[in-house]
């Protein structure tokens, strides 16, 4: 079957089947993405101890996501533009959008490198990183940012392939990169004196592998859309449309991360053991987050192509299916981790104090993950429709502002873990309700109907 026929399947045939066929490679990809990110924590925690674990997780991961997350949000604009052009069979603009997207990735990676190197230490100091964690955390982050261009090219390339209806190639790239990362982590952390720097170098080299694979296979696309170095340039109108959709999402990601940094500062006040427990829990939480994020990505592409083809009934049915699958998956993941409790945390540390604190955090948050599902899926739906401004405003108020106010008011002078971490479900519930209200009453999807083999 040709690539064009594969992509057209998203706008034709059985909706549930096509959505699931597109979704599952993304879901498996999220597993390998999490494995990719988790290996650093497992190897570092087991070989180097709790302080080193805190140095590569927790606040360090959140600070890195501040910059990487902005670019990922920005690149979602390119994904939407490409999926809409391709769904409408506008191959000329699809090709221009692909080349513009790669240029955005290159310049974005360079910008992240520069900003990251300048602001690494200030960021770590702002969030109150413990003294024994600060030196290795700073080393890890500075080295990590050196590979920013590889990171942005992979993320943008993965978005391009998904926009074209191919969710398998990003999975294959990720598997290859993950395997390289695992081997290099064990070698550089376990058998050299590099310490946490070894984990950072392992990450850079594995990301380089994924970036090379992305470019190689973009050059193998059909002639009417394939990547060519000679056509690598920015198209002004496409760039403007990309920024119109992607900038609100990128800003939302930054503000979201800032709220997490504020929470990290509160966590660090409890000491190194709690910071390490939060870092370990973060790897578990990421399994849920990245799983539900897969539904958001699938929804963006499915909606984008069908929206571009004006198949609005298919869009609405795809939304319902995504919400159902996402909810079932969330319940299963929550139940699994609540059953495992400290056994899942033992992957990262054997320190009993850290394990005890990690279990407390897990018991507070895992049962409430279901309240986050509408935020991720409906945001993906609205991105696919090209509507990101209102969802961004809702998220900024419901997530960022509410959490900041909660942490100023609720914990008081004698904060507890529960008083800090319950800001998550509180903000999820309010934001989910607001997002759903906007979807049902905000004319997100036009009333015009054009059904093809629905």
Protein backbone atom coordinates (compact mmCIF):
# COMPACT_ATOMS: atom_id res chain seq x y z
CA UNK A 1 0.00 0.00 0.00
CA UNK A 2 1.42 3.42 -0.87
CA UNK A 3 1.98 6.13 1.68
CA UNK A 4 -0.78 8.20 0.18
CA UNK A 5 -3.30 5.40 0.66
CA UNK A 6 -2.21 4.89 4.25
CA UNK A 7 -2.71 8.55 5.03
CA UNK A 8 -6.08 8.68 3.27
CA UNK A 9 -7.28 5.89 5.56
CA UNK A 10 -7.53 8.47 8.37
CA UNK A 11 -10.23 10.30 6.41
CA UNK A 12 -11.97 7.14 5.18
CA UNK A 13 -13.33 3.84 6.45
CA UNK A 14 -14.11 2.79 10.00
CA UNK A 15 -13.27 5.59 12.43
CA UNK A 16 -12.53 3.44 15.47
CA UNK A 17 -10.23 1.13 13.55
CA UNK A 18 -8.23 3.88 11.88
CA UNK A 19 -7.91 5.90 15.07
CA UNK A 20 -6.68 2.85 17.00
CA UNK A 21 -4.28 1.80 14.23
CA UNK A 22 -2.79 5.27 14.35
CA UNK A 23 -2.83 5.44 18.15
CA UNK A 24 -1.13 2.19 19.15
CA UNK A 25 2.29 2.96 17.60
CA UNK A 26 2.17 6.29 19.43
CA UNK A 27 1.30 4.46 22.66
CA UNK A 28 4.22 2.06 22.22
CA UNK A 29 6.34 5.06 21.38
CA UNK A 30 5.40 6.69 24.68
CA UNK A 31 6.53 3.52 26.44
CA UNK A 32 9.94 3.68 24.79
CA UNK A 33 10.11 7.44 25.35
CA UNK A 34 9.51 6.86 29.03
CA UNK A 35 11.99 3.98 29.06
CA UNK A 36 14.45 6.32 27.35
CA UNK A 37 13.97 8.94 30.09
CA UNK A 38 13.73 6.42 32.93
CA UNK A 39 16.97 4.56 32.17
CA UNK A 40 19.00 7.58 33.28
CA UNK A 41 17.19 7.59 36.62
CA UNK A 42 17.45 3.82 37.16
CA UNK A 43 21.15 3.58 36.31
CA UNK A 44 22.09 6.75 38.17
CA UNK A 45 19.98 5.88 41.22
CA UNK A 46 21.39 2.37 41.49
CA UNK A 47 25.04 3.21 40.75
CA UNK A 48 25.41 6.69 42.26
CA UNK A 49 22.76 7.07 45.01
CA UNK A 50 19.85 9.34 45.99
CA UNK A 51 21.58 12.71 45.53
CA UNK A 52 22.55 11.78 41.96
CA UNK A 53 18.99 10.54 41.33
CA UNK A 54 17.64 13.91 42.42
CA UNK A 55 20.20 15.55 40.09
CA UNK A 56 18.84 13.88 36.93
CA UNK A 57 15.14 13.92 37.88
CA UNK A 58 12.71 16.13 39.76
CA UNK A 59 13.63 19.79 39.38
CA UNK A 60 16.30 19.08 36.75
CA UNK A 61 13.80 17.37 34.44
CA UNK A 62 11.27 20.12 35.04
CA UNK A 63 13.81 22.85 34.27
CA UNK A 64 14.82 21.10 31.02
CA UNK A 65 11.15 20.72 30.08
CA UNK A 66 10.72 24.48 30.47
CA UNK A 67 12.67 24.97 27.23
CA UNK A 68 12.07 21.67 25.43
CA UNK A 69 8.34 21.88 26.25
CA UNK A 70 8.08 25.33 24.66
CA UNK A 71 9.57 24.03 21.42
CA UNK A 72 7.38 20.91 21.49
CA UNK A 73 4.32 23.12 21.85
CA UNK A 74 5.54 25.36 19.06
CA UNK A 75 6.16 22.35 16.80
CA UNK A 76 2.58 21.19 17.31
CA UNK A 77 1.59 24.13 15.13
CA UNK A 78 3.62 22.62 12.29
CA UNK A 79 1.98 19.24 12.85
CA UNK A 80 -1.49 20.77 12.57
CA UNK A 81 -0.66 22.78 9.44
CA UNK A 82 0.88 19.75 7.71
CA UNK A 83 -1.99 17.43 8.65
CA UNK A 84 -4.60 19.92 7.40
CA UNK A 85 -2.77 20.48 4.09
CA UNK A 86 -2.28 16.75 3.61
CA UNK A 87 -5.89 15.93 4.52
CA UNK A 88 -6.96 18.46 1.89
CA UNK A 89 -4.52 16.86 -0.65
CA UNK A 90 -2.61 20.14 -0.99
CA UNK A 91 0.79 18.52 -1.54
CA UNK A 92 2.63 21.64 -2.69
CA UNK A 93 1.98 23.45 0.59
CA UNK A 94 2.56 20.22 2.50
CA UNK A 95 6.11 20.11 1.15
CA UNK A 96 6.71 23.77 1.96
CA UNK A 97 5.41 23.19 5.48
CA UNK A 98 7.75 20.22 6.00
CA UNK A 99 10.82 22.24 5.04
CA UNK A 100 9.68 25.20 7.14
CA UNK A 101 9.19 22.84 10.09
CA UNK A 102 12.75 21.49 9.84
CA UNK A 103 14.12 25.04 9.74
CA UNK A 104 12.12 25.84 12.86
CA UNK A 105 13.64 22.76 14.50
CA UNK A 106 17.20 23.81 13.64
CA UNK A 107 16.84 27.38 14.86
CA UNK A 108 14.83 26.21 17.87
CA UNK A 109 17.56 23.79 18.89
CA UNK A 110 20.23 26.48 18.65
CA UNK A 111 18.10 28.86 20.75
CA UNK A 112 17.50 26.20 23.41
CA UNK A 113 21.25 25.50 23.57
CA UNK A 114 22.10 29.18 24.12
CA UNK A 115 19.34 29.85 26.64
CA UNK A 116 19.95 26.58 28.46
CA UNK A 117 23.67 27.18 28.95
CA UNK A 118 23.07 30.71 30.23
CA UNK A 119 20.20 30.00 32.62
CA UNK A 120 21.00 26.51 33.96
CA UNK A 121 22.42 27.61 37.30
CA UNK A 122 19.89 30.44 37.92
CA UNK A 123 17.00 28.02 37.26
CA UNK A 124 18.39 25.45 39.70
CA UNK A 125 18.93 28.14 42.34
CA UNK A 126 15.44 29.60 41.88
CA UNK A 127 13.79 26.25 42.64
CA UNK A 128 15.95 25.76 45.74
CA UNK A 129 17.96 22.76 44.57
CA UNK A 130 19.67 21.20 47.64
CA UNK A 131 23.41 21.97 47.94
CA UNK A 132 24.49 18.36 47.55
CA UNK A 133 22.40 18.05 44.38
CA UNK A 134 23.36 21.36 42.71
CA UNK A 135 26.81 20.47 41.20
CA UNK A 136 25.77 17.21 39.49
CA UNK A 137 22.44 18.71 38.39
CA UNK A 138 24.20 21.68 36.79
CA UNK A 139 26.66 19.37 35.02
CA UNK A 140 23.86 17.14 33.73
CA UNK A 141 21.80 20.04 32.38
CA UNK A 142 24.66 21.84 30.65
CA UNK A 143 25.72 18.69 28.81
CA UNK A 144 22.11 17.80 27.98
CA UNK A 145 21.55 21.17 26.27
CA UNK A 146 24.51 20.56 23.95
CA UNK A 147 22.34 18.02 22.12
CA UNK A 148 19.34 20.35 21.77
CA UNK A 149 19.38 20.42 17.94
CA UNK A 150 19.22 16.62 17.81
CA UNK A 151 16.29 16.70 20.21
CA UNK A 152 14.33 19.32 18.27
CA UNK A 153 14.92 17.65 14.89
CA UNK A 154 13.66 14.32 16.22
CA UNK A 155 10.57 15.85 17.87
CA UNK A 156 9.70 17.90 14.80
CA UNK A 157 10.35 14.96 12.47
CA UNK A 158 8.16 12.68 14.58
CA UNK A 159 5.40 15.30 14.38
CA UNK A 160 5.77 15.49 10.60
CA UNK A 161 5.42 11.75 10.11
CA UNK A 162 2.39 11.63 12.41
CA UNK A 163 0.82 14.55 10.53
CA UNK A 164 1.18 12.49 7.37
CA UNK A 165 -0.59 9.58 9.06
CA UNK A 166 2.54 7.50 9.77
CA UNK A 167 2.87 6.84 13.49
CA UNK A 168 5.13 3.78 13.04
CA UNK A 169 8.36 5.41 11.89
CA UNK A 170 8.66 7.69 14.97
CA UNK A 171 8.26 4.52 17.06
CA UNK A 172 11.07 2.77 15.19
CA UNK A 173 13.34 5.80 15.56
CA UNK A 174 12.61 5.91 19.27
CA UNK A 175 13.29 2.20 19.79
CA UNK A 176 16.68 2.50 18.08
CA UNK A 177 17.56 5.59 20.11
CA UNK A 178 16.37 3.96 23.33
CA UNK A 179 18.52 0.89 22.82
CA UNK A 180 21.58 3.07 22.22
CA UNK A 181 20.77 5.09 25.34
CA UNK A 182 20.45 2.00 27.55
CA UNK A 183 23.81 0.59 26.47
CA UNK A 184 25.62 3.91 26.78
CA UNK A 185 24.02 4.67 30.17
CA UNK A 186 25.27 1.43 31.65
CA UNK A 187 28.75 1.86 30.16
CA UNK A 188 29.27 5.57 30.86
CA UNK A 189 27.65 5.70 34.31
CA UNK A 190 28.49 2.24 35.61
CA UNK A 191 32.01 1.78 34.29
CA UNK A 192 33.54 5.26 33.94
CA UNK A 193 34.18 8.08 36.45
CA UNK A 194 31.86 10.47 34.55
CA UNK A 195 29.00 10.17 37.08
CA UNK A 196 25.77 11.92 36.07
CA UNK A 197 27.64 13.55 33.16
CA UNK A 198 27.85 10.08 31.63
CA UNK A 199 24.05 9.86 31.60
CA UNK A 200 23.86 13.22 29.85
CA UNK A 201 26.39 12.21 27.17
CA UNK A 202 24.52 8.95 26.63
CA UNK A 203 21.33 10.93 26.04
CA UNK A 204 22.99 13.26 23.52
CA UNK A 205 24.46 10.42 21.47
CA UNK A 206 21.19 8.49 21.39
CA UNK A 207 19.28 11.62 20.34
CA UNK A 208 21.77 12.10 17.50
CA UNK A 209 20.85 8.63 16.24
CA UNK A 210 17.13 9.51 16.18
CA UNK A 211 17.77 12.84 14.41
CA UNK A 212 19.80 11.14 11.65
CA UNK A 213 17.03 8.57 11.14
CA UNK A 214 14.40 11.31 10.89
CA UNK A 215 16.24 13.17 8.13
CA UNK A 216 17.07 9.96 6.27
CA UNK A 217 13.43 8.84 6.06
CA UNK A 218 12.04 12.31 5.33
CA UNK A 219 14.19 12.16 2.19
CA UNK A 220 12.43 8.90 1.25
CA UNK A 221 8.88 10.31 1.24
CA UNK A 222 6.88 10.50 -1.99
CA UNK A 223 8.47 12.90 -4.51
CA UNK A 224 5.71 15.50 -4.14
CA UNK A 225 6.41 16.01 -0.42
CA UNK A 226 9.88 14.57 0.33
CA UNK A 227 12.56 16.51 2.19
CA UNK A 228 15.37 17.96 0.06
CA UNK A 229 18.29 20.00 1.36
CA UNK A 230 18.07 22.31 -1.67
CA UNK A 231 14.53 23.35 -0.66
CA UNK A 232 15.33 23.94 3.00
CA UNK A 233 13.90 27.39 3.67
CA UNK A 234 11.19 29.15 5.64
CA UNK A 235 7.91 29.97 3.89
CA UNK A 236 6.59 33.20 5.41
CA UNK A 237 2.81 32.55 5.30
CA UNK A 238 3.24 28.97 6.54
CA UNK A 239 5.52 30.17 9.35
CA UNK A 240 2.89 32.72 10.42
CA UNK A 241 0.16 30.06 10.46
CA UNK A 242 2.45 27.68 12.36
CA UNK A 243 3.22 30.31 15.00
CA UNK A 244 -0.46 31.27 15.24
CA UNK A 245 -1.28 27.72 16.31
CA UNK A 246 1.96 26.70 17.98
CA UNK A 247 2.87 29.79 20.02
CA UNK A 248 -0.14 29.60 22.39
CA UNK A 249 0.61 25.90 22.93
CA UNK A 250 4.29 26.63 23.56
CA UNK A 251 3.47 29.43 25.99
CA UNK A 252 1.00 27.13 27.72
CA UNK A 253 3.74 24.52 28.12
CA UNK A 254 6.15 27.09 29.60
CA UNK A 255 3.60 28.37 32.11
CA UNK A 256 2.63 24.79 32.95
CA UNK A 257 6.29 24.00 33.64
CA UNK A 258 6.73 27.18 35.70
CA UNK A 259 3.87 26.03 37.92
CA UNK A 260 5.68 22.70 38.31
CA UNK A 261 8.90 24.55 39.19
CA UNK A 262 7.00 26.38 41.93
CA UNK A 263 5.83 23.02 43.22
CA UNK A 264 9.40 21.70 42.97
CA UNK A 265 10.60 24.58 45.14
CA UNK A 266 8.02 23.55 47.77
CA UNK A 267 9.16 19.92 47.47
CA UNK A 268 12.84 20.85 47.87
CA UNK A 269 12.00 22.55 51.17
CA UNK A 270 11.23 19.07 52.60
CA UNK A 271 14.86 17.96 51.98
CA UNK A 272 16.90 15.66 49.71
CA UNK A 273 14.93 12.48 50.54
CA UNK A 274 11.66 14.09 49.45
CA UNK A 275 13.31 15.58 46.33
CA UNK A 276 14.58 12.10 45.41
CA UNK A 277 11.15 10.56 46.12
CA UNK A 278 9.50 13.19 43.91
CA UNK A 279 12.04 12.46 41.15
CA UNK A 280 11.26 8.72 41.38
CA UNK A 281 7.50 9.34 41.44
CA UNK A 282 7.94 11.65 38.45
CA UNK A 283 9.12 8.71 36.34
CA UNK A 284 5.99 6.76 37.28
CA UNK A 285 3.76 9.75 36.69
CA UNK A 286 5.40 10.21 33.29
CA UNK A 287 4.21 6.74 32.25
CA UNK A 288 0.63 7.90 32.75
CA UNK A 289 1.24 11.34 31.32
CA UNK A 290 2.91 10.06 28.18
CA UNK A 291 0.24 7.40 27.69
CA UNK A 292 -2.57 9.93 27.78
CA UNK A 293 -0.45 12.30 25.72
CA UNK A 294 -0.49 9.62 23.00
CA UNK A 295 -4.26 10.03 22.79
CA UNK A 296 -3.81 13.79 22.53
CA UNK A 297 -1.33 13.37 19.66
CA UNK A 298 -3.58 10.87 17.89
CA UNK A 299 -6.53 13.24 18.32
CA UNK A 300 -4.56 16.17 16.88
CA UNK A 301 -3.64 14.33 13.68
CA UNK A 302 -7.01 12.59 13.26
CA UNK A 303 -8.89 15.84 13.79
CA UNK A 304 -6.41 17.86 11.71
CA UNK A 305 -6.73 15.69 8.59
CA UNK A 306 -10.50 15.31 8.86
CA UNK A 307 -10.95 18.98 9.69
CA UNK A 308 -8.87 19.88 6.63
CA UNK A 309 -11.12 17.59 4.55
CA UNK A 310 -14.28 19.12 6.17
CA UNK A 311 -15.38 15.74 7.58
CA UNK A 312 -16.78 17.20 10.79
CA UNK A 313 -18.94 14.24 11.80
CA UNK A 314 -15.80 12.07 11.75
CA UNK A 315 -14.09 14.61 13.98
CA UNK A 316 -16.85 14.43 16.59
CA UNK A 317 -16.95 10.65 16.61
CA UNK A 318 -13.15 10.51 16.87
CA UNK A 319 -13.33 12.76 19.93
CA UNK A 320 -15.78 10.43 21.68
CA UNK A 321 -13.66 7.36 20.93
CA UNK A 322 -10.47 9.05 22.13
CA UNK A 323 -12.10 10.10 25.41
CA UNK A 324 -13.40 6.58 26.03
CA UNK A 325 -10.08 4.85 25.35
CA UNK A 326 -8.14 7.46 27.30
CA UNK A 327 -10.36 7.05 30.34
CA UNK A 328 -10.11 3.25 30.33
CA UNK A 329 -6.34 3.37 29.95
CA UNK A 330 -6.00 5.86 32.81
CA UNK A 331 -8.03 3.71 35.20
CA UNK A 332 -5.90 0.66 34.35
CA UNK A 333 -2.60 2.51 34.81
CA UNK A 334 -3.74 4.03 38.10
CA UNK A 335 -4.88 0.65 39.42
CA UNK A 336 -1.58 -0.99 38.42
CA UNK A 337 0.61 1.52 40.23
CA UNK A 338 -1.62 1.62 43.30
CA UNK A 339 -1.29 -2.17 43.49
CA UNK A 340 2.50 -2.12 43.05
CA UNK A 341 3.21 0.93 45.23
CA UNK A 342 6.80 0.76 46.57
CA UNK A 343 7.74 -2.08 44.20
CA UNK A 344 7.53 0.31 41.24
CA UNK A 345 9.65 2.88 43.12
CA UNK A 346 12.35 0.29 43.88
CA UNK A 347 13.46 0.57 40.27
CA UNK A 348 15.02 3.90 41.18
CA UNK A 349 16.21 3.58 44.77
CA UNK A 350 16.60 1.21 47.71
CA UNK A 351 16.60 4.01 50.29
CA UNK A 352 13.70 3.17 52.62
CA UNK A 353 13.04 6.80 53.58
CA UNK A 354 12.78 7.74 49.91
CA UNK A 355 10.49 4.75 49.23
CA UNK A 356 8.15 5.65 52.11
CA UNK A 357 7.80 9.23 50.93
CA UNK A 358 7.33 8.12 47.31
CA UNK A 359 4.46 5.81 48.29
CA UNK A 360 2.73 8.67 50.12
CA UNK A 361 2.96 10.84 46.99
CA UNK A 362 1.69 7.99 44.80
CA UNK A 363 -1.32 7.36 47.06
CA UNK A 364 -2.23 11.05 46.96
CA UNK A 365 -2.01 11.54 43.19
CA UNK A 366 -2.54 8.27 41.28
CA UNK A 367 -6.28 7.97 42.13
CA UNK A 368 -6.85 11.46 40.67
CA UNK A 369 -5.16 10.99 37.28
CA UNK A 370 -8.55 10.41 35.64
CA UNK A 371 -9.41 14.09 36.18
CA UNK A 372 -6.62 15.08 33.80
CA UNK A 373 -7.89 13.08 30.79
CA UNK A 374 -10.20 15.76 29.28
CA UNK A 375 -7.43 18.37 29.39
CA UNK A 376 -5.00 16.37 27.27
CA UNK A 377 -7.44 14.88 24.77
CA UNK A 378 -9.61 17.96 24.25
CA UNK A 379 -6.53 20.17 23.90
CA UNK A 380 -5.35 17.81 21.15
CA UNK A 381 -8.74 18.05 19.47
CA UNK A 382 -8.70 21.84 19.54
CA UNK A 383 -5.15 21.97 18.18
CA UNK A 384 -6.30 19.80 15.28
CA UNK A 385 -9.04 22.35 14.61
CA UNK A 386 -6.46 25.15 14.69
CA UNK A 387 -7.93 26.67 17.86
CA UNK A 388 -5.34 27.10 20.60
CA UNK A 389 -5.78 30.58 22.09
CA UNK A 390 -8.86 29.95 24.27
CA UNK A 391 -7.59 26.55 25.53
CA UNK A 392 -4.30 28.25 26.43
CA UNK A 393 -6.09 30.94 28.42
CA UNK A 394 -8.19 28.30 30.20
CA UNK A 395 -5.11 26.25 31.04
CA UNK A 396 -3.08 29.24 32.23
CA UNK A 397 -5.82 30.25 34.64
CA UNK A 398 -6.95 26.77 35.66
CA UNK A 399 -3.52 25.19 36.01
CA UNK A 400 -0.87 27.84 36.53
CA UNK A 401 -2.70 30.61 38.40
CA UNK A 402 -4.75 28.25 40.55
CA UNK A 403 -1.70 26.21 41.59
CA UNK A 404 0.27 29.33 42.50
CA UNK A 405 -2.62 30.58 44.62
CA UNK A 406 -3.09 27.15 46.22
CA UNK A 407 0.56 26.95 47.26
CA UNK A 408 0.41 30.44 48.73
CA UNK A 409 -2.73 29.78 50.74
CA UNK A 410 -3.36 26.09 51.52
CA UNK A 411 -0.06 24.70 52.91
CA UNK A 412 0.32 27.56 55.40
CA UNK A 413 3.23 27.75 57.85
CA UNK A 414 3.34 23.99 58.47
CA UNK A 415 3.04 22.35 55.03
CA UNK A 416 2.45 18.64 54.53
CA UNK A 417 2.91 16.51 51.42
CA UNK A 418 -0.86 16.33 50.94
CA UNK A 419 -1.34 20.10 51.27
CA UNK A 420 1.23 20.65 48.51
CA UNK A 421 0.36 17.87 46.07
CA UNK A 422 -3.44 18.17 46.18
CA UNK A 423 -3.02 21.30 44.06
CA UNK A 424 -2.70 18.92 41.10
CA UNK A 425 -6.16 17.29 41.16
CA UNK A 426 -7.78 20.57 42.21
CA UNK A 427 -6.38 22.31 39.13
CA UNK A 428 -7.13 19.35 36.85
CA UNK A 429 -10.80 19.21 37.84
CA UNK A 430 -11.43 22.91 37.32
CA UNK A 431 -9.52 23.06 34.02
CA UNK A 432 -11.19 19.92 32.65
CA UNK A 433 -14.64 21.35 33.33
CA UNK A 434 -13.74 24.64 31.64
CA UNK A 435 -12.24 22.86 28.59
CA UNK A 436 -15.33 20.68 28.18
CA UNK A 437 -17.65 23.69 28.45
CA UNK A 438 -15.68 25.46 25.72
CA UNK A 439 -15.77 22.39 23.48
CA UNK A 440 -19.54 21.92 23.74
CA UNK A 441 -20.57 25.58 23.66
CA UNK A 442 -17.69 27.38 21.91
CA UNK A 443 -18.39 26.35 18.30
CA UNK A 444 -15.03 24.54 18.08
CA UNK A 445 -16.25 22.26 15.29
CA UNK A 446 -18.40 23.80 12.51
CA UNK A 447 -21.97 22.56 12.12
CA UNK A 448 -21.47 21.73 8.43
CA UNK A 449 -21.51 17.98 7.83
CA UNK A 450 -19.81 15.99 5.11
CA UNK A 451 -19.57 12.30 5.87
CA UNK A 452 -17.39 9.86 3.92
CA UNK A 453 -17.80 6.17 4.79
CA UNK A 454 -18.28 7.08 8.47
